[in-house]
Structures are given as structure tokens and as C-alpha cells.
PDB file of all heavy atoms in Angstrom:
ATOM      1  N   ARG A   1       0.809  -1.220   0.000  1.00  0.00           N
ATOM      2  CA  ARG A   1       0.000   0.000   0.000  1.00  0.00           C
ATOM      3  C   ARG A   1       0.837   1.262   0.000  1.00  0.00           C
ATOM      4  O   ARG A   1       0.304   2.372   0.003  1.00  0.00           O
ATOM      5  CB  ARG A   1      -0.912   0.003   1.234  1.00  0.00           C
ATOM      6  CG  ARG A   1      -1.964  -1.099   1.268  1.00  0.00           C
ATOM      7  CD  ARG A   1      -2.678  -1.139   2.612  1.00  0.00           C
ATOM      8  NE  ARG A   1      -3.106   0.189   3.035  1.00  0.00           N
ATOM      9  CZ  ARG A   1      -3.316   0.539   4.307  1.00  0.00           C
ATOM     10  NH1 ARG A   1      -3.106  -0.339   5.267  1.00  0.00           N
ATOM     11  NH2 ARG A   1      -3.719   1.749   4.624  1.00  0.00           N
ATOM     12  N   THR A   2       2.148   1.132  -0.034  1.00  0.00           N
ATOM     13  CA  THR A   2       2.991   2.298   0.200  1.00  0.00           C
ATOM     14  C   THR A   2       3.039   3.276  -0.964  1.00  0.00           C
ATOM     15  O   THR A   2       3.491   4.406  -0.797  1.00  0.00           O
ATOM     16  CB  THR A   2       4.426   1.871   0.546  1.00  0.00           C
ATOM     17  OG1 THR A   2       4.962   1.080  -0.532  1.00  0.00           O
ATOM     18  CG2 THR A   2       4.452   1.072   1.831  1.00  0.00           C
ATOM     19  N   ALA A   3       2.596   2.865  -2.146  1.00  0.00           N
ATOM     20  CA  ALA A   3       2.571   3.795  -3.267  1.00  0.00           C
ATOM     21  C   ALA A   3       1.404   4.767  -3.183  1.00  0.00           C
ATOM     22  O   ALA A   3       1.393   5.784  -3.896  1.00  0.00           O
ATOM     23  CB  ALA A   3       2.508   3.037  -4.595  1.00  0.00           C
ATOM     24  N   GLU A   4       0.431   4.476  -2.311  1.00  0.00           N
ATOM     25  CA  GLU A   4      -0.730   5.365  -2.163  1.00  0.00           C
ATOM     26  C   GLU A   4      -0.867   5.932  -0.755  1.00  0.00           C
ATOM     27  O   GLU A   4      -1.431   7.022  -0.579  1.00  0.00           O
ATOM     28  CB  GLU A   4      -2.026   4.616  -2.505  1.00  0.00           C
ATOM     29  CG  GLU A   4      -2.131   4.130  -3.939  1.00  0.00           C
ATOM     30  CD  GLU A   4      -1.436   2.789  -4.156  1.00  0.00           C
ATOM     31  OE1 GLU A   4      -1.312   2.020  -3.175  1.00  0.00           O
ATOM     32  OE2 GLU A   4      -1.010   2.523  -5.289  1.00  0.00           O
ATOM     33  N   ALA A   5      -0.378   5.229   0.245  1.00  0.00           N
ATOM     34  CA  ALA A   5      -0.577   5.648   1.635  1.00  0.00           C
ATOM     35  C   ALA A   5       0.400   6.774   1.983  1.00  0.00           C
ATOM     36  O   ALA A   5       1.618   6.594   1.969  1.00  0.00           O
ATOM     37  CB  ALA A   5      -0.367   4.459   2.573  1.00  0.00           C
ATOM     38  N   VAL A   6      -0.147   7.936   2.294  1.00  0.00           N
ATOM     39  CA  VAL A   6       0.679   9.100   2.612  1.00  0.00           C
ATOM     40  C   VAL A   6       1.390   8.885   3.940  1.00  0.00           C
ATOM     41  O   VAL A   6       0.809   8.365   4.905  1.00  0.00           O
ATOM     42  CB  VAL A   6      -0.201  10.375   2.660  1.00  0.00           C
ATOM     43  CG1 VAL A   6       0.606  11.583   3.120  1.00  0.00           C
ATOM     44  CG2 VAL A   6      -0.825  10.629   1.291  1.00  0.00           C
ATOM     45  N   LEU A   7       2.640   9.270   4.001  1.00  0.00           N
ATOM     46  CA  LEU A   7       3.409   9.122   5.234  1.00  0.00           C
ATOM     47  C   LEU A   7       2.858  10.017   6.339  1.00  0.00           C
ATOM     48  O   LEU A   7       2.412  11.142   6.065  1.00  0.00           O
ATOM     49  CB  LEU A   7       4.879   9.486   4.990  1.00  0.00           C
ATOM     50  CG  LEU A   7       5.715   8.446   4.260  1.00  0.00           C
ATOM     51  CD1 LEU A   7       6.999   9.067   3.732  1.00  0.00           C
ATOM     52  CD2 LEU A   7       6.030   7.271   5.188  1.00  0.00           C
ATOM     53  N   PRO A   8       2.875   9.562   7.576  1.00  0.00           N
ATOM     54  CA  PRO A   8       2.409  10.418   8.676  1.00  0.00           C
ATOM     55  C   PRO A   8       3.283  11.670   8.771  1.00  0.00           C
ATOM     56  O   PRO A   8       4.496  11.613   8.584  1.00  0.00           O
ATOM     57  CB  PRO A   8       2.565   9.534   9.913  1.00  0.00           C
ATOM     58  CG  PRO A   8       3.534   8.476   9.527  1.00  0.00           C
ATOM     59  CD  PRO A   8       3.346   8.247   8.061  1.00  0.00           C
ATOM     60  N   GLY A   9       2.632  12.791   9.040  1.00  0.00           N
ATOM     61  CA  GLY A   9       3.345  14.051   9.190  1.00  0.00           C
ATOM     62  C   GLY A   9       3.762  14.695   7.883  1.00  0.00           C
ATOM     63  O   GLY A   9       4.393  15.762   7.902  1.00  0.00           O
ATOM     64  N   ALA A  10       3.430  14.082   6.753  1.00  0.00           N
ATOM     65  CA  ALA A  10       3.928  14.566   5.474  1.00  0.00           C
ATOM     66  C   ALA A  10       3.550  16.021   5.198  1.00  0.00           C
ATOM     67  O   ALA A  10       4.304  16.754   4.549  1.00  0.00           O
ATOM     68  CB  ALA A  10       3.422  13.673   4.334  1.00  0.00           C
ATOM     69  N   SER A  11       2.410  16.445   5.693  1.00  0.00           N
ATOM     70  CA  SER A  11       1.944  17.809   5.429  1.00  0.00           C
ATOM     71  C   SER A  11       2.426  18.820   6.460  1.00  0.00           C
ATOM     72  O   SER A  11       2.132  20.016   6.337  1.00  0.00           O
ATOM     73  CB  SER A  11       0.407  17.833   5.381  1.00  0.00           C
ATOM     74  OG  SER A  11      -0.135  17.459   6.642  1.00  0.00           O
ATOM     75  N   ASP A  12       3.161  18.380   7.473  1.00  0.00           N
ATOM     76  CA  ASP A  12       3.538  19.246   8.600  1.00  0.00           C
ATOM     77  C   ASP A  12       5.021  19.086   8.920  1.00  0.00           C
ATOM     78  O   ASP A  12       5.415  18.131   9.585  1.00  0.00           O
ATOM     79  CB  ASP A  12       2.689  18.885   9.820  1.00  0.00           C
ATOM     80  CG  ASP A  12       2.937  19.809  11.006  1.00  0.00           C
ATOM     81  OD1 ASP A  12       3.837  20.661  10.931  1.00  0.00           O
ATOM     82  OD2 ASP A  12       2.217  19.655  12.017  1.00  0.00           O
ATOM     83  N   PRO A  13       5.865  20.030   8.499  1.00  0.00           N
ATOM     84  CA  PRO A  13       7.300  19.916   8.784  1.00  0.00           C
ATOM     85  C   PRO A  13       7.611  19.806  10.267  1.00  0.00           C
ATOM     86  O   PRO A  13       8.543  19.081  10.650  1.00  0.00           O
ATOM     87  CB  PRO A  13       7.883  21.205   8.185  1.00  0.00           C
ATOM     88  CG  PRO A  13       6.895  21.653   7.174  1.00  0.00           C
ATOM     89  CD  PRO A  13       5.558  21.219   7.678  1.00  0.00           C
ATOM     90  N   ALA A  14       6.847  20.495  11.095  1.00  0.00           N
ATOM     91  CA  ALA A  14       7.112  20.442  12.538  1.00  0.00           C
ATOM     92  C   ALA A  14       6.885  19.035  13.082  1.00  0.00           C
ATOM     93  O   ALA A  14       7.654  18.542  13.927  1.00  0.00           O
ATOM     94  CB  ALA A  14       6.236  21.449  13.280  1.00  0.00           C
ATOM     95  N   GLU A  15       5.824  18.377  12.620  1.00  0.00           N
ATOM     96  CA  GLU A  15       5.562  17.006  13.071  1.00  0.00           C
ATOM     97  C   GLU A  15       6.658  16.062  12.579  1.00  0.00           C
ATOM     98  O   GLU A  15       7.114  15.187  13.325  1.00  0.00           O
ATOM     99  CB  GLU A  15       4.200  16.523  12.585  1.00  0.00           C
ATOM    100  CG  GLU A  15       3.816  15.148  13.130  1.00  0.00           C
ATOM    101  CD  GLU A  15       2.421  14.701  12.733  1.00  0.00           C
ATOM    102  OE1 GLU A  15       1.751  15.436  11.971  1.00  0.00           O
ATOM    103  OE2 GLU A  15       2.014  13.606  13.172  1.00  0.00           O
ATOM    104  N   LEU A  16       7.093  16.243  11.342  1.00  0.00           N
ATOM    105  CA  LEU A  16       8.190  15.423  10.830  1.00  0.00           C
ATOM    106  C   LEU A  16       9.449  15.615  11.666  1.00  0.00           C
ATOM    107  O   LEU A  16      10.155  14.646  11.984  1.00  0.00           O
ATOM    108  CB  LEU A  16       8.476  15.782   9.372  1.00  0.00           C
ATOM    109  CG  LEU A  16       7.429  15.338   8.347  1.00  0.00           C
ATOM    110  CD1 LEU A  16       7.712  15.968   6.994  1.00  0.00           C
ATOM    111  CD2 LEU A  16       7.385  13.814   8.223  1.00  0.00           C
ATOM    112  N   ASN A  17       9.720  16.843  12.039  1.00  0.00           N
ATOM    113  CA  ASN A  17      10.911  17.104  12.853  1.00  0.00           C
ATOM    114  C   ASN A  17      10.794  16.484  14.240  1.00  0.00           C
ATOM    115  O   ASN A  17      11.801  16.057  14.830  1.00  0.00           O
ATOM    116  CB  ASN A  17      11.153  18.605  12.957  1.00  0.00           C
ATOM    117  CG  ASN A  17      11.563  19.214  11.629  1.00  0.00           C
ATOM    118  OD1 ASN A  17      11.902  18.504  10.680  1.00  0.00           O
ATOM    119  ND2 ASN A  17      11.518  20.535  11.545  1.00  0.00           N
ATOM    120  N   GLU A  18       9.568  16.408  14.761  1.00  0.00           N
ATOM    121  CA  GLU A  18       9.363  15.728  16.040  1.00  0.00           C
ATOM    122  C   GLU A  18       9.665  14.230  15.904  1.00  0.00           C
ATOM    123  O   GLU A  18      10.260  13.619  16.804  1.00  0.00           O
ATOM    124  CB  GLU A  18       7.926  15.932  16.514  1.00  0.00           C
ATOM    125  CG  GLU A  18       7.636  17.350  16.974  1.00  0.00           C
ATOM    126  CD  GLU A  18       6.166  17.552  17.304  1.00  0.00           C
ATOM    127  OE1 GLU A  18       5.386  16.571  17.211  1.00  0.00           O
ATOM    128  OE2 GLU A  18       5.785  18.695  17.637  1.00  0.00           O
ATOM    129  N   PHE A  19       9.271  13.647  14.778  1.00  0.00           N
ATOM    130  CA  PHE A  19       9.619  12.241  14.536  1.00  0.00           C
ATOM    131  C   PHE A  19      11.135  12.061  14.485  1.00  0.00           C
ATOM    132  O   PHE A  19      11.681  11.088  15.020  1.00  0.00           O
ATOM    133  CB  PHE A  19       9.024  11.757  13.208  1.00  0.00           C
ATOM    134  CG  PHE A  19       7.525  11.673  13.158  1.00  0.00           C
ATOM    135  CD1 PHE A  19       6.863  11.760  11.941  1.00  0.00           C
ATOM    136  CD2 PHE A  19       6.774  11.495  14.305  1.00  0.00           C
ATOM    137  CE1 PHE A  19       5.484  11.668  11.867  1.00  0.00           C
ATOM    138  CE2 PHE A  19       5.376  11.404  14.247  1.00  0.00           C
ATOM    139  CZ  PHE A  19       4.746  11.494  13.017  1.00  0.00           C
ATOM    140  N   VAL A  20      11.825  12.989  13.819  1.00  0.00           N
ATOM    141  CA  VAL A  20      13.284  12.908  13.722  1.00  0.00           C
ATOM    142  C   VAL A  20      13.909  12.886  15.108  1.00  0.00           C
ATOM    143  O   VAL A  20      14.801  12.077  15.404  1.00  0.00           O
ATOM    144  CB  VAL A  20      13.839  14.084  12.896  1.00  0.00           C
ATOM    145  CG1 VAL A  20      15.368  14.129  12.980  1.00  0.00           C
ATOM    146  CG2 VAL A  20      13.398  13.971  11.440  1.00  0.00           C
ATOM    147  N   SER A  21      13.419  13.752  16.000  1.00  0.00           N
ATOM    148  CA  SER A  21      13.939  13.775  17.368  1.00  0.00           C
ATOM    149  C   SER A  21      13.606  12.480  18.103  1.00  0.00           C
ATOM    150  O   SER A  21      14.455  11.917  18.820  1.00  0.00           O
ATOM    151  CB  SER A  21      13.355  14.970  18.127  1.00  0.00           C
ATOM    152  OG  SER A  21      13.787  16.187  17.562  1.00  0.00           O
ATOM    153  N   ALA A  22      12.390  11.994  17.934  1.00  0.00           N
ATOM    154  CA  ALA A  22      11.951  10.802  18.666  1.00  0.00           C
ATOM    155  C   ALA A  22      12.777   9.569  18.293  1.00  0.00           C
ATOM    156  O   ALA A  22      13.027   8.700  19.142  1.00  0.00           O
ATOM    157  CB  ALA A  22      10.476  10.536  18.389  1.00  0.00           C
ATOM    158  N   TYR A  23      13.213   9.483  17.028  1.00  0.00           N
ATOM    159  CA  TYR A  23      13.947   8.298  16.572  1.00  0.00           C
ATOM    160  C   TYR A  23      15.442   8.573  16.423  1.00  0.00           C
ATOM    161  O   TYR A  23      16.150   7.756  15.830  1.00  0.00           O
ATOM    162  CB  TYR A  23      13.351   7.796  15.251  1.00  0.00           C
ATOM    163  CG  TYR A  23      11.948   7.275  15.407  1.00  0.00           C
ATOM    164  CD1 TYR A  23      10.859   8.015  14.959  1.00  0.00           C
ATOM    165  CD2 TYR A  23      11.708   6.063  16.052  1.00  0.00           C
ATOM    166  CE1 TYR A  23       9.566   7.553  15.124  1.00  0.00           C
ATOM    167  CE2 TYR A  23      10.421   5.589  16.221  1.00  0.00           C
ATOM    168  CZ  TYR A  23       9.351   6.338  15.757  1.00  0.00           C
ATOM    169  OH  TYR A  23       8.068   5.881  15.927  1.00  0.00           O
ATOM    170  N   ASP A  24      15.889   9.702  16.964  1.00  0.00           N
ATOM    171  CA  ASP A  24      17.313  10.052  16.894  1.00  0.00           C
ATOM    172  C   ASP A  24      17.811   9.914  15.457  1.00  0.00           C
ATOM    173  O   ASP A  24      18.856   9.319  15.186  1.00  0.00           O
ATOM    174  CB  ASP A  24      18.126   9.148  17.833  1.00  0.00           C
ATOM    175  CG  ASP A  24      19.562   9.618  17.995  1.00  0.00           C
ATOM    176  OD1 ASP A  24      19.838  10.803  17.705  1.00  0.00           O
ATOM    177  OD2 ASP A  24      20.401   8.801  18.400  1.00  0.00           O
TER     178      ASP A  24
END
């Protein structure tokens, strides 16, 4: 399903950056 399922946080740079911090 990955060719259609949008990644979480894709529309929000701040949320993506929070993921980056959470997973080092």
C-alpha cells in the first residue's frame, strides 16, 4: 500500500521534525 498511503506528518514539517527527534 505504500505507493498510495501518505506518510504520517507529510503535510507538517514540525511534526516530521518531532519524529526525527523521537527516533534520533
